């Protein structure tokens, strides 16, 4: 493992700007995330259930996540705090950090802003879900939402499903739509983006639907809107509970986390249908993703901290190699 420093009295801090300048390909991100899932499925990593704190009025939400990566041999703690959930997107505050420790040397590696890591990790997971669970010969994809998670959704989908040739997006923020187009053209200059107004009609023509919108979105694609064989992936909001409740097959990155963070998708009694397979087991080949071409599959993409740890450690390695970051005498 790459050591961060000669002693344990200082901590390397990697800021948003430090991480923004690090070049990493979409293919590399997908590979790092996939390895993290496979290592977890093999029992070599540990990903305990996340802790959640939310006030009664729901104006904020906080998470704490601890995990260990058994291949990289690092331990890390991620914290996430979002304030202003009752306000518009430009009035919200969001802070997330990842602190990584080398479990071989016992030394801290770095503390970093986790924003870019999350913006890459989540669409990479959706792309892997699509690779394993999309209908055969998928040609069309719809992304609902143009925030952080929506902007790289299509480039990552094209990384794992290069045969997609109709790329649709639905959103209500002009700047977000422009950002989605910019990201697509940055990674795939030859591809065209179709902005759709009628999200339910677009969903009826999509092989893959990725819902990344914020909680105030008016979009609510229903199960009956989806064509036979469609894969719907929930990251944020934009698809209705019926897409889960009436799915032919349910895949989740973590069934336990779905029941904690996906309560808005529960039925009238607060219940969830059984998860047919957890995604780490699908990637490991011990569970099926798709069984038939015409089954509608619902996939729940909730972040597992082992993926943040793997990708965060990779960024830390690259940052250390480039001499980035600020050392703080935290324990002196």
Protein backbone atom coordinates (compact mmCIF):
# COMPACT_ATOMS: atom_id res chain seq x y z
CA UNK A 1 0.00 0.00 0.00
CA UNK A 2 1.08 3.57 -0.58
CA UNK A 3 1.98 5.20 2.72
CA UNK A 4 0.86 8.77 3.25
CA UNK A 5 3.64 10.03 5.57
CA UNK A 6 6.49 8.89 7.81
CA UNK A 7 4.56 9.28 11.08
CA UNK A 8 1.05 9.42 12.48
CA UNK A 9 1.06 13.02 13.71
CA UNK A 10 -0.10 14.70 10.51
CA UNK A 11 -3.03 14.15 8.19
CA UNK A 12 -3.11 14.86 4.45
CA UNK A 13 -6.20 16.90 3.58
CA UNK A 14 -7.41 16.64 -0.02
CA UNK A 15 -9.76 19.45 -0.96
CA UNK A 16 -12.36 19.65 -3.69
CA UNK A 17 -9.88 21.48 -5.94
CA UNK A 18 -7.12 18.94 -5.22
CA UNK A 19 -9.31 16.08 -6.39
CA UNK A 20 -10.82 18.00 -9.31
CA UNK A 21 -7.49 18.09 -11.12
CA UNK A 22 -6.84 14.35 -10.95
CA UNK A 23 -7.41 12.58 -14.26
CA UNK A 24 -9.14 9.20 -14.08
CA UNK A 25 -11.01 7.44 -16.88
CA UNK A 26 -14.57 6.18 -16.68
CA UNK A 27 -13.28 2.68 -17.43
CA UNK A 28 -10.89 2.85 -14.49
CA UNK A 29 -13.66 4.03 -12.16
CA UNK A 30 -15.92 1.16 -13.23
CA UNK A 31 -13.09 -1.34 -12.68
CA UNK A 32 -12.33 -0.02 -9.18
CA UNK A 33 -16.01 -0.09 -8.19
CA UNK A 34 -16.52 -3.58 -9.61
CA UNK A 35 -13.51 -4.91 -7.73
CA UNK A 36 -14.90 -3.43 -4.50
CA UNK A 37 -18.20 -5.28 -5.01
CA UNK A 38 -16.50 -8.55 -5.88
CA UNK A 39 -14.24 -8.32 -2.83
CA UNK A 40 -17.28 -7.72 -0.63
CA UNK A 41 -19.10 -10.69 -2.17
CA UNK A 42 -16.06 -12.87 -1.48
CA UNK A 43 -16.19 -11.94 2.21
CA UNK A 44 -12.87 -10.11 2.13
CA UNK A 45 -14.35 -6.66 2.79
CA UNK A 46 -16.73 -5.42 5.46
CA UNK A 47 -19.62 -3.00 4.86
CA UNK A 48 -21.74 -2.51 8.01
CA UNK A 49 -25.16 -0.93 7.82
CA UNK A 50 -25.06 2.87 7.69
CA UNK A 51 -26.21 5.01 10.61
CA UNK A 52 -28.78 7.69 9.86
CA UNK A 53 -29.92 10.78 11.75
CA UNK A 54 -32.87 12.83 10.53
CA UNK A 55 -34.92 15.46 12.41
CA UNK A 56 -38.68 15.08 12.63
CA UNK A 57 -39.35 17.87 10.14
CA UNK A 58 -36.97 16.30 7.61
CA UNK A 59 -35.00 19.46 6.87
CA UNK A 60 -31.68 17.60 7.01
CA UNK A 61 -30.22 14.11 6.90
CA UNK A 62 -26.90 12.76 8.12
CA UNK A 63 -25.14 9.45 7.52
CA UNK A 64 -22.09 7.75 8.99
CA UNK A 65 -20.53 4.76 7.24
CA UNK A 66 -17.57 2.61 8.24
CA UNK A 67 -15.94 -0.11 6.18
CA UNK A 68 -12.83 -2.07 5.31
CA UNK A 69 -11.47 -2.97 1.86
CA UNK A 70 -9.78 -6.37 2.01
CA UNK A 71 -7.83 -6.01 -1.25
CA UNK A 72 -6.48 -2.54 -0.63
CA UNK A 73 -6.19 -3.28 3.11
CA UNK A 74 -7.54 0.07 4.19
CA UNK A 75 -10.19 1.15 6.68
CA UNK A 76 -12.25 4.28 6.14
CA UNK A 77 -15.05 6.33 7.63
CA UNK A 78 -17.43 8.37 5.48
CA UNK A 79 -19.69 11.11 6.80
CA UNK A 80 -22.47 12.81 4.89
CA UNK A 81 -24.60 15.78 5.91
CA UNK A 82 -27.25 17.48 3.78
CA UNK A 83 -29.20 20.50 5.02
CA UNK A 84 -32.15 22.27 3.44
CA UNK A 85 -34.04 19.31 2.04
CA UNK A 86 -37.19 21.42 2.36
CA UNK A 87 -35.69 24.10 0.09
CA UNK A 88 -34.76 24.39 -3.57
CA UNK A 89 -31.53 22.80 -4.78
CA UNK A 90 -29.57 26.08 -4.83
CA UNK A 91 -30.41 26.69 -1.17
CA UNK A 92 -29.23 23.30 0.09
CA UNK A 93 -25.92 22.61 1.82
CA UNK A 94 -24.11 19.31 1.40
CA UNK A 95 -20.86 18.18 3.00
CA UNK A 96 -19.32 14.74 2.75
CA UNK A 97 -15.87 13.51 3.79
CA UNK A 98 -13.90 10.28 3.66
CA UNK A 99 -11.03 9.51 6.04
CA UNK A 100 -8.82 6.59 4.99
CA UNK A 101 -6.35 4.62 7.15
CA UNK A 102 -3.75 2.10 5.98
CA UNK A 103 -4.50 -1.14 7.85
CA UNK A 104 -1.00 -2.51 7.18
CA UNK A 105 1.08 0.36 8.55
CA UNK A 106 -1.58 1.69 10.89
CA UNK A 107 -1.06 5.20 9.50
CA UNK A 108 -3.65 7.64 8.16
CA UNK A 109 -3.69 7.98 4.38
CA UNK A 110 -5.86 11.07 3.88
CA UNK A 111 -9.05 12.91 4.67
CA UNK A 112 -10.81 14.14 1.56
CA UNK A 113 -13.89 15.80 0.23
CA UNK A 114 -16.03 12.91 -0.99
CA UNK A 115 -18.11 14.87 -3.48
CA UNK A 116 -16.28 13.86 -6.65
CA UNK A 117 -15.93 10.28 -5.43
CA UNK A 118 -19.69 10.03 -4.99
CA UNK A 119 -20.38 11.72 -8.31
CA UNK A 120 -18.31 9.01 -10.02
CA UNK A 121 -19.07 5.98 -7.88
CA UNK A 122 -22.85 6.15 -8.10
CA UNK A 123 -23.22 6.33 -11.90
CA UNK A 124 -20.52 3.65 -12.19
CA UNK A 125 -22.71 1.36 -10.07
CA UNK A 126 -25.74 2.17 -12.23
CA UNK A 127 -23.67 1.32 -15.31
CA UNK A 128 -22.67 -2.01 -13.81
CA UNK A 129 -26.31 -2.73 -12.91
CA UNK A 130 -27.23 -1.95 -16.50
CA UNK A 131 -24.49 -4.21 -17.85
CA UNK A 132 -25.77 -7.13 -15.79
CA UNK A 133 -29.54 -6.49 -15.80
CA UNK A 134 -30.52 -4.51 -18.90
CA UNK A 135 -32.55 -6.35 -21.55
CA UNK A 136 -30.53 -8.02 -24.32
CA UNK A 137 -29.43 -5.68 -27.14
CA UNK A 138 -30.56 -2.56 -25.26
CA UNK A 139 -30.56 0.50 -27.50
CA UNK A 140 -32.22 3.31 -25.51
CA UNK A 141 -31.71 4.91 -22.10
CA UNK A 142 -33.55 7.61 -20.18
CA UNK A 143 -32.03 9.58 -17.31
CA UNK A 144 -34.44 11.44 -15.04
CA UNK A 145 -32.76 14.34 -13.25
CA UNK A 146 -29.83 16.60 -14.04
CA UNK A 147 -28.14 17.05 -10.67
CA UNK A 148 -24.80 15.63 -9.59
CA UNK A 149 -25.81 12.00 -10.15
CA UNK A 150 -27.58 12.64 -13.45
CA UNK A 151 -24.75 14.44 -15.21
CA UNK A 152 -22.45 11.46 -15.65
CA UNK A 153 -25.13 8.79 -15.86
CA UNK A 154 -25.13 8.57 -19.66
CA UNK A 155 -21.33 8.55 -20.15
CA UNK A 156 -21.04 5.70 -17.66
CA UNK A 157 -23.92 3.81 -19.28
CA UNK A 158 -22.14 4.08 -22.63
CA UNK A 159 -18.99 2.74 -20.99
CA UNK A 160 -20.69 -0.56 -20.11
CA UNK A 161 -23.39 -0.59 -22.82
CA UNK A 162 -21.73 0.91 -25.91
CA UNK A 163 -24.61 -0.29 -28.11
CA UNK A 164 -26.97 2.37 -26.76
CA UNK A 165 -27.88 4.74 -29.56
CA UNK A 166 -30.83 6.73 -28.19
CA UNK A 167 -29.89 8.82 -25.16
CA UNK A 168 -32.70 10.72 -23.43
CA UNK A 169 -32.79 13.04 -20.44
CA UNK A 170 -35.64 14.68 -18.56
CA UNK A 171 -35.06 17.61 -16.26
CA UNK A 172 -36.46 20.94 -15.16
CA UNK A 173 -33.24 22.95 -14.66
CA UNK A 174 -31.76 24.52 -17.82
CA UNK A 175 -28.27 24.63 -16.30
CA UNK A 176 -28.55 20.97 -15.38
CA UNK A 177 -29.62 19.99 -18.88
CA UNK A 178 -26.67 21.93 -20.29
CA UNK A 179 -24.33 20.16 -17.88
CA UNK A 180 -25.66 16.74 -18.93
CA UNK A 181 -25.05 17.61 -22.57
CA UNK A 182 -21.56 18.97 -21.80
CA UNK A 183 -20.56 15.83 -19.93
CA UNK A 184 -21.86 13.56 -22.66
CA UNK A 185 -20.01 15.46 -25.38
CA UNK A 186 -16.83 15.62 -23.29
CA UNK A 187 -16.64 11.84 -23.01
CA UNK A 188 -18.46 10.87 -26.22
CA UNK A 189 -18.28 13.81 -28.65
CA UNK A 190 -20.09 11.95 -31.42
CA UNK A 191 -23.20 11.12 -29.38
CA UNK A 192 -26.39 13.17 -29.42
CA UNK A 193 -28.65 13.96 -26.47
CA UNK A 194 -32.44 14.06 -26.70
CA UNK A 195 -34.17 16.26 -24.12
CA UNK A 196 -37.69 14.95 -23.44
CA UNK A 197 -40.59 16.81 -21.86
CA UNK A 198 -43.04 13.90 -21.49
CA UNK A 199 -41.09 11.67 -19.13
CA UNK A 200 -43.69 8.91 -18.99
CA UNK A 201 -43.89 8.64 -22.77
CA UNK A 202 -40.08 8.55 -22.94
CA UNK A 203 -39.96 5.83 -20.28
CA UNK A 204 -42.25 3.70 -22.45
CA UNK A 205 -39.55 3.71 -25.14
CA UNK A 206 -36.51 3.19 -22.93
CA UNK A 207 -34.74 -0.09 -22.27
CA UNK A 208 -32.99 1.44 -19.26
CA UNK A 209 -34.41 4.15 -16.98
CA UNK A 210 -32.14 5.75 -14.38
CA UNK A 211 -33.93 7.96 -11.84
CA UNK A 212 -31.56 10.45 -10.24
CA UNK A 213 -33.82 13.47 -9.63
CA UNK A 214 -34.21 15.33 -6.34
CA UNK A 215 -37.08 14.67 -4.00
CA UNK A 216 -39.14 17.62 -5.26
CA UNK A 217 -39.27 16.36 -8.84
CA UNK A 218 -42.73 16.16 -10.42
CA UNK A 219 -41.59 13.12 -12.43
CA UNK A 220 -43.16 9.85 -11.30
CA UNK A 221 -42.85 7.08 -13.89
CA UNK A 222 -45.24 4.24 -13.07
CA UNK A 223 -44.79 0.52 -13.64
CA UNK A 224 -47.37 0.56 -16.45
CA UNK A 225 -45.31 3.19 -18.26
CA UNK A 226 -42.38 0.78 -18.65
CA UNK A 227 -42.16 -1.50 -21.63
CA UNK A 228 -41.70 -5.27 -21.15
CA UNK A 229 -38.13 -6.10 -20.25
CA UNK A 230 -37.25 -2.60 -19.07
CA UNK A 231 -34.69 -2.05 -16.33
CA UNK A 232 -35.43 0.80 -13.92
CA UNK A 233 -32.61 1.92 -11.62
CA UNK A 234 -33.42 4.12 -8.64
CA UNK A 235 -30.68 6.43 -7.39
CA UNK A 236 -32.74 9.37 -6.14
CA UNK A 237 -36.29 10.11 -7.28
CA UNK A 238 -38.32 10.12 -10.48
CA UNK A 239 -39.98 6.71 -10.56
CA UNK A 240 -43.05 5.72 -8.55
CA UNK A 241 -43.27 2.94 -5.93
CA UNK A 242 -45.18 0.77 -8.42
CA UNK A 243 -41.94 0.22 -10.36
CA UNK A 244 -40.64 -1.63 -7.30
CA UNK A 245 -43.86 -3.11 -5.99
CA UNK A 246 -44.88 -4.61 -9.35
CA UNK A 247 -41.45 -5.52 -10.69
CA UNK A 248 -40.88 -9.06 -11.94
CA UNK A 249 -37.49 -9.06 -10.28
CA UNK A 250 -35.83 -6.85 -7.65
CA UNK A 251 -32.07 -6.31 -7.39
CA UNK A 252 -30.50 -4.17 -4.66
CA UNK A 253 -26.96 -3.19 -3.87
CA UNK A 254 -28.04 -3.82 -0.28
CA UNK A 255 -31.48 -4.99 0.85
CA UNK A 256 -30.88 -3.61 4.36
CA UNK A 257 -29.97 -0.18 3.04
CA UNK A 258 -32.96 -0.14 0.71
CA UNK A 259 -35.24 -0.56 3.71
CA UNK A 260 -33.50 2.32 5.49
CA UNK A 261 -33.08 4.87 2.71
CA UNK A 262 -35.85 3.84 0.32
CA UNK A 263 -38.86 4.27 2.59
CA UNK A 264 -40.64 6.44 0.02
CA UNK A 265 -40.85 3.34 -2.20
CA UNK A 266 -42.62 1.21 0.43
CA UNK A 267 -46.24 0.12 0.04
CA UNK A 268 -49.15 1.57 2.03
CA UNK A 269 -48.24 -0.63 5.00
CA UNK A 270 -44.57 0.32 4.88
CA UNK A 271 -43.53 -2.98 3.36
CA UNK A 272 -41.13 -3.94 0.59
CA UNK A 273 -41.20 -6.89 -1.78
CA UNK A 274 -38.46 -9.42 -1.25
CA UNK A 275 -35.14 -8.67 -2.93
CA UNK A 276 -34.38 -11.44 -5.40
CA UNK A 277 -30.63 -10.83 -5.42
CA UNK A 278 -28.09 -8.46 -3.97
CA UNK A 279 -25.84 -6.97 -6.59
CA UNK A 280 -22.44 -8.01 -5.18
CA UNK A 281 -23.60 -11.63 -5.50
CA UNK A 282 -24.69 -10.98 -9.09
CA UNK A 283 -21.26 -9.63 -10.01
CA UNK A 284 -19.63 -12.58 -8.29
CA UNK A 285 -21.70 -14.99 -10.41
CA UNK A 286 -23.50 -16.49 -7.44
CA UNK A 287 -26.88 -14.91 -8.22
CA UNK A 288 -28.74 -14.10 -11.43
CA UNK A 289 -29.32 -10.58 -12.62
CA UNK A 290 -31.74 -10.99 -15.51
CA UNK A 291 -33.47 -14.34 -16.10
CA UNK A 292 -35.58 -13.55 -19.18
CA UNK A 293 -35.77 -10.90 -21.86
CA UNK A 294 -39.25 -9.63 -21.00
CA UNK A 295 -39.14 -9.37 -17.21
CA UNK A 296 -39.25 -5.86 -15.77
CA UNK A 297 -36.41 -5.42 -13.31
CA UNK A 298 -36.19 -2.83 -10.55
CA UNK A 299 -32.68 -2.11 -9.24
CA UNK A 300 -31.99 -0.07 -6.11
CA UNK A 301 -28.65 1.72 -6.19
CA UNK A 302 -27.76 2.74 -2.65
CA UNK A 303 -24.14 3.61 -2.05
CA UNK A 304 -22.03 1.01 -0.27
CA UNK A 305 -19.12 2.55 1.56
CA UNK A 306 -16.71 -0.11 0.27
CA UNK A 307 -17.01 1.48 -3.17
CA UNK A 308 -16.25 4.93 -1.74
CA UNK A 309 -13.27 3.45 0.10
CA UNK A 310 -11.82 1.79 -2.98
CA UNK A 311 -12.28 4.82 -5.21
CA UNK A 312 -11.22 7.23 -2.47
CA UNK A 313 -8.04 5.26 -1.85
CA UNK A 314 -7.29 5.27 -5.57
CA UNK A 315 -7.68 9.06 -5.64
CA UNK A 316 -5.48 9.35 -2.55
CA UNK A 317 -2.76 7.29 -4.23
CA UNK A 318 -2.86 9.52 -7.31
CA UNK A 319 -2.88 12.67 -5.18
CA UNK A 320 0.12 11.52 -3.15
CA UNK A 321 2.02 10.68 -6.33
CA UNK A 322 1.34 14.22 -7.58
CA UNK A 323 2.19 15.89 -4.28
CA UNK A 324 -1.32 17.24 -3.79
CA UNK A 325 -2.99 18.11 -0.52
CA UNK A 326 -2.22 19.96 2.68
CA UNK A 327 -0.67 18.31 5.71
CA UNK A 328 -2.30 19.25 9.00
CA UNK A 329 -0.76 18.51 12.42
CA UNK A 330 -4.03 17.16 13.70
CA UNK A 331 -2.65 14.99 16.50
CA UNK A 332 -0.02 17.38 17.83
